[in-house]
């Protein structure tokens, strides 16, 4: 390809990309979220220098993954044309508590403008999937993300909006803002609110032989800080 054609090709790409209509109503993602690639991996996230619990300890594994995860895939039933009624998975930043203060409850900070928020307004039943693959453990062990030993969990329940000034709302704010410090800078006019998953079912796949259902009470009683307990 000649230099002239290359320049024309680049100009065409720029023009096409500038016409995109982002769901948040802005043309620049950095204008909304306020970070670049250099900001990812700050010191407020949970350290990834320890290994998960033994796979037999499924309740502890579930709590461990929930607390380690800074994001997850949230599944809803779409209300957006042309995919009404289809399953729809979307990525959200999560936190179950500040570093070393796990609650086991996934909290979110979401705008009503967001695609999934429209789904959840119609039907608040949802699932969140989180995986050890987002840390260093699986790559260190040479486990593919689909390998059962690269454990993942699926938490199913209902999406619940929290009152900002309630005790749980304040905890959610501390949980999310401590782990995602850019969040307070997100646009006030986008109506961001705190929410949680009210857990009704917990599935863990952390070894060969199929997924295991973890009783909710056992999950909340488990200690996710396996390394600390072993020291």
Protein backbone atom coordinates (compact mmCIF):
# COMPACT_ATOMS: atom_id res chain seq x y z
CA UNK A 1 0.00 0.00 0.00
CA UNK A 2 1.36 3.44 -0.95
CA UNK A 3 1.95 6.17 1.63
CA UNK A 4 -0.92 8.20 0.16
CA UNK A 5 -3.40 5.34 0.42
CA UNK A 6 -2.25 4.57 3.95
CA UNK A 7 -2.95 8.16 5.05
CA UNK A 8 -6.42 8.09 3.45
CA UNK A 9 -7.15 4.77 5.20
CA UNK A 10 -6.18 6.21 8.59
CA UNK A 11 -8.30 9.33 8.03
CA UNK A 12 -11.31 7.14 7.16
CA UNK A 13 -10.90 5.13 10.38
CA UNK A 14 -10.68 8.30 12.47
CA UNK A 15 -13.82 9.71 10.85
CA UNK A 16 -15.75 6.48 11.42
CA UNK A 17 -14.69 6.22 15.06
CA UNK A 18 -15.61 9.85 15.76
CA UNK A 19 -19.19 9.10 14.71
CA UNK A 20 -19.68 6.37 17.31
CA UNK A 21 -22.40 6.99 19.88
CA UNK A 22 -21.21 5.70 23.26
CA UNK A 23 -23.91 4.62 25.68
CA UNK A 24 -22.86 7.22 28.24
CA UNK A 25 -23.41 10.02 25.72
CA UNK A 26 -19.76 11.13 25.47
CA UNK A 27 -17.20 10.72 22.71
CA UNK A 28 -14.22 10.12 24.93
CA UNK A 29 -14.09 7.27 27.43
CA UNK A 30 -11.39 9.09 29.40
CA UNK A 31 -13.79 12.05 29.79
CA UNK A 32 -16.15 9.70 31.64
CA UNK A 33 -13.94 7.41 33.63
CA UNK A 34 -10.90 9.62 34.02
CA UNK A 35 -8.13 7.08 33.59
CA UNK A 36 -5.76 5.70 31.01
CA UNK A 37 -3.96 2.38 30.75
CA UNK A 38 -1.23 3.75 33.02
CA UNK A 39 -3.69 4.08 35.90
CA UNK A 40 -4.68 0.41 36.01
CA UNK A 41 -3.16 -1.69 38.78
CA UNK A 42 -3.10 0.75 41.69
CA UNK A 43 -2.01 -0.13 45.20
CA UNK A 44 -5.52 -0.15 46.62
CA UNK A 45 -6.46 -3.44 44.99
CA UNK A 46 -6.20 -6.75 46.81
CA UNK A 47 -2.68 -8.17 46.62
CA UNK A 48 -2.26 -11.09 44.25
CA UNK A 49 0.76 -12.66 45.93
CA UNK A 50 -0.97 -15.59 47.62
CA UNK A 51 -2.51 -18.81 46.35
CA UNK A 52 -6.19 -19.72 46.69
CA UNK A 53 -7.49 -22.20 49.26
CA UNK A 54 -7.47 -25.96 48.52
CA UNK A 55 -10.18 -26.85 46.01
CA UNK A 56 -11.99 -29.01 48.59
CA UNK A 57 -12.80 -25.88 50.61
CA UNK A 58 -15.42 -24.65 48.18
CA UNK A 59 -17.09 -22.08 50.48
CA UNK A 60 -13.75 -20.49 51.26
CA UNK A 61 -12.82 -20.61 47.57
CA UNK A 62 -16.00 -18.73 46.70
CA UNK A 63 -15.33 -16.06 49.33
CA UNK A 64 -11.69 -15.85 48.24
CA UNK A 65 -12.61 -15.23 44.61
CA UNK A 66 -15.30 -12.70 45.51
CA UNK A 67 -12.88 -10.70 47.63
CA UNK A 68 -10.02 -10.92 45.13
CA UNK A 69 -12.14 -9.82 42.18
CA UNK A 70 -12.11 -6.19 41.12
CA UNK A 71 -14.55 -6.86 38.28
CA UNK A 72 -16.94 -9.49 37.05
CA UNK A 73 -19.37 -10.36 34.24
CA UNK A 74 -22.97 -9.54 35.10
CA UNK A 75 -25.69 -11.36 33.15
CA UNK A 76 -29.15 -9.96 32.53
CA UNK A 77 -32.08 -10.53 30.17
CA UNK A 78 -31.90 -7.90 27.45
CA UNK A 79 -34.66 -5.37 26.87
CA UNK A 80 -32.72 -3.63 24.11
CA UNK A 81 -33.67 -4.06 20.46
CA UNK A 82 -32.87 -6.16 18.50
CA UNK A 83 -31.86 -8.64 21.23
CA UNK A 84 -34.92 -8.46 23.51
CA UNK A 85 -35.16 -11.62 25.59
CA UNK A 86 -31.58 -12.75 24.92
CA UNK A 87 -29.02 -13.30 27.69
CA UNK A 88 -26.69 -10.29 27.91
CA UNK A 89 -23.37 -10.24 29.76
CA UNK A 90 -21.59 -7.02 30.71
CA UNK A 91 -18.46 -6.13 32.69
CA UNK A 92 -18.72 -4.21 35.97
CA UNK A 93 -16.25 -3.07 38.58
CA UNK A 94 -16.95 -4.79 41.89
CA UNK A 95 -15.88 -4.85 45.50
CA UNK A 96 -17.05 -6.86 48.48
CA UNK A 97 -15.16 -4.63 50.89
CA UNK A 98 -11.95 -2.69 51.40
CA UNK A 99 -8.67 -4.60 51.32
CA UNK A 100 -8.61 -7.18 54.13
CA UNK A 101 -12.27 -6.47 55.00
CA UNK A 102 -14.39 -8.90 53.03
CA UNK A 103 -18.18 -8.96 53.33
CA UNK A 104 -18.88 -11.58 50.66
CA UNK A 105 -21.42 -9.25 49.03
CA UNK A 106 -20.58 -7.91 45.56
CA UNK A 107 -21.21 -4.16 45.46
CA UNK A 108 -21.47 -2.05 42.31
CA UNK A 109 -21.53 1.63 41.36
CA UNK A 110 -23.75 1.99 38.32
CA UNK A 111 -25.50 4.66 36.29
CA UNK A 112 -29.16 4.30 35.25
CA UNK A 113 -27.95 5.19 31.77
CA UNK A 114 -25.96 1.95 31.55
CA UNK A 115 -27.23 -0.75 29.18
CA UNK A 116 -27.61 -3.40 31.88
CA UNK A 117 -29.41 -0.97 34.18
CA UNK A 118 -32.29 -0.89 31.71
CA UNK A 119 -32.44 -4.69 31.80
CA UNK A 120 -32.34 -4.75 35.61
CA UNK A 121 -35.14 -2.18 35.89
CA UNK A 122 -37.37 -4.58 33.97
CA UNK A 123 -36.10 -7.76 35.63
CA UNK A 124 -33.72 -7.55 38.58
CA UNK A 125 -32.76 -11.23 38.52
CA UNK A 126 -29.09 -11.52 37.60
CA UNK A 127 -25.89 -13.54 37.92
CA UNK A 128 -22.28 -12.46 38.37
CA UNK A 129 -19.33 -14.57 37.27
CA UNK A 130 -15.88 -13.99 38.75
CA UNK A 131 -12.71 -15.95 38.03
CA UNK A 132 -9.18 -16.44 39.30
CA UNK A 133 -8.16 -15.78 35.68
CA UNK A 134 -8.17 -12.02 36.34
CA UNK A 135 -5.24 -12.44 38.71
CA UNK A 136 -1.81 -14.02 38.28
CA UNK A 137 -2.48 -17.46 39.78
CA UNK A 138 -3.83 -19.23 36.68
CA UNK A 139 -1.13 -17.94 34.37
CA UNK A 140 1.49 -18.86 36.97
CA UNK A 141 0.10 -22.41 37.05
CA UNK A 142 -0.29 -22.49 33.24
CA UNK A 143 -4.06 -22.99 33.60
CA UNK A 144 -6.30 -21.89 30.75
CA UNK A 145 -9.24 -19.75 31.99
CA UNK A 146 -11.57 -22.62 31.03
CA UNK A 147 -9.55 -25.13 33.06
CA UNK A 148 -11.64 -26.06 36.14
CA UNK A 149 -8.55 -25.58 38.30
CA UNK A 150 -8.61 -21.91 37.30
CA UNK A 151 -11.54 -21.57 39.65
CA UNK A 152 -14.57 -19.45 38.93
CA UNK A 153 -17.82 -18.80 40.72
CA UNK A 154 -21.32 -17.85 39.63
CA UNK A 155 -23.39 -15.89 42.14
CA UNK A 156 -27.09 -15.66 41.29
CA UNK A 157 -29.68 -13.45 42.93
CA UNK A 158 -31.38 -10.10 42.65
CA UNK A 159 -29.98 -6.66 41.96
CA UNK A 160 -30.81 -4.26 44.80
CA UNK A 161 -30.24 -0.50 44.83
CA UNK A 162 -28.93 0.82 48.14
CA UNK A 163 -29.84 4.00 49.99
CA UNK A 164 -26.71 6.13 49.81
CA UNK A 165 -26.88 7.25 53.45
CA UNK A 166 -27.80 3.85 54.90
CA UNK A 167 -25.17 1.88 56.81
CA UNK A 168 -24.84 -0.58 53.95
CA UNK A 169 -24.75 2.24 51.43
CA UNK A 170 -21.84 3.80 53.31
CA UNK A 171 -20.06 0.45 53.47
CA UNK A 172 -20.59 -0.03 49.72
CA UNK A 173 -19.09 3.41 49.08
CA UNK A 174 -16.01 2.58 51.17
CA UNK A 175 -15.74 -0.85 49.55
CA UNK A 176 -15.87 0.50 46.00
CA UNK A 177 -14.05 3.81 46.35
CA UNK A 178 -11.15 2.21 48.23
CA UNK A 179 -10.65 -0.39 45.53
CA UNK A 180 -11.57 1.84 42.56
CA UNK A 181 -10.32 5.31 43.58
CA UNK A 182 -11.28 6.93 40.27
CA UNK A 183 -15.00 6.33 40.92
CA UNK A 184 -15.63 9.51 42.95
CA UNK A 185 -14.58 11.50 39.88
CA UNK A 186 -17.20 9.97 37.60
CA UNK A 187 -19.78 12.52 36.35
CA UNK A 188 -22.34 13.52 38.98
CA UNK A 189 -24.98 14.17 36.33
CA UNK A 190 -24.95 10.50 35.31
CA UNK A 191 -26.86 9.53 38.44
CA UNK A 192 -24.48 6.84 39.70
CA UNK A 193 -25.84 4.83 42.63
CA UNK A 194 -24.65 1.99 44.85
CA UNK A 195 -26.14 -1.46 44.47
CA UNK A 196 -25.52 -5.04 45.51
CA UNK A 197 -26.28 -8.59 44.51
CA UNK A 198 -28.66 -10.18 47.01
CA UNK A 199 -27.21 -13.68 46.73
CA UNK A 200 -29.62 -16.59 46.38
CA UNK A 201 -27.40 -19.28 44.86
CA UNK A 202 -23.66 -19.94 44.70
CA UNK A 203 -21.91 -22.23 42.23
CA UNK A 204 -18.19 -23.02 42.42
CA UNK A 205 -16.14 -24.75 39.76
CA UNK A 206 -12.62 -25.17 41.12
CA UNK A 207 -11.67 -28.73 40.13
CA UNK A 208 -12.63 -31.62 37.88
CA UNK A 209 -15.97 -33.32 38.46
CA UNK A 210 -18.46 -30.50 37.96
CA UNK A 211 -19.72 -27.42 39.74
CA UNK A 212 -20.67 -27.50 43.41
CA UNK A 213 -23.50 -25.57 45.05
CA UNK A 214 -22.36 -23.84 48.23
CA UNK A 215 -24.92 -23.18 50.98
CA UNK A 216 -25.29 -19.44 51.49
CA UNK A 217 -24.76 -19.62 55.26
CA UNK A 218 -21.57 -21.62 54.76
CA UNK A 219 -20.37 -19.04 52.23
CA UNK A 220 -20.83 -16.11 54.60
CA UNK A 221 -19.24 -17.98 57.50
CA UNK A 222 -16.12 -18.82 55.48
CA UNK A 223 -12.89 -16.87 55.94
CA UNK A 224 -11.52 -15.69 52.58
CA UNK A 225 -8.14 -14.74 54.06
CA UNK A 226 -6.65 -18.19 53.69
CA UNK A 227 -3.04 -17.04 53.68
CA UNK A 228 -3.49 -15.03 56.88
CA UNK A 229 -5.06 -17.98 58.67
CA UNK A 230 -2.25 -20.32 57.62
CA UNK A 231 0.49 -17.99 58.92
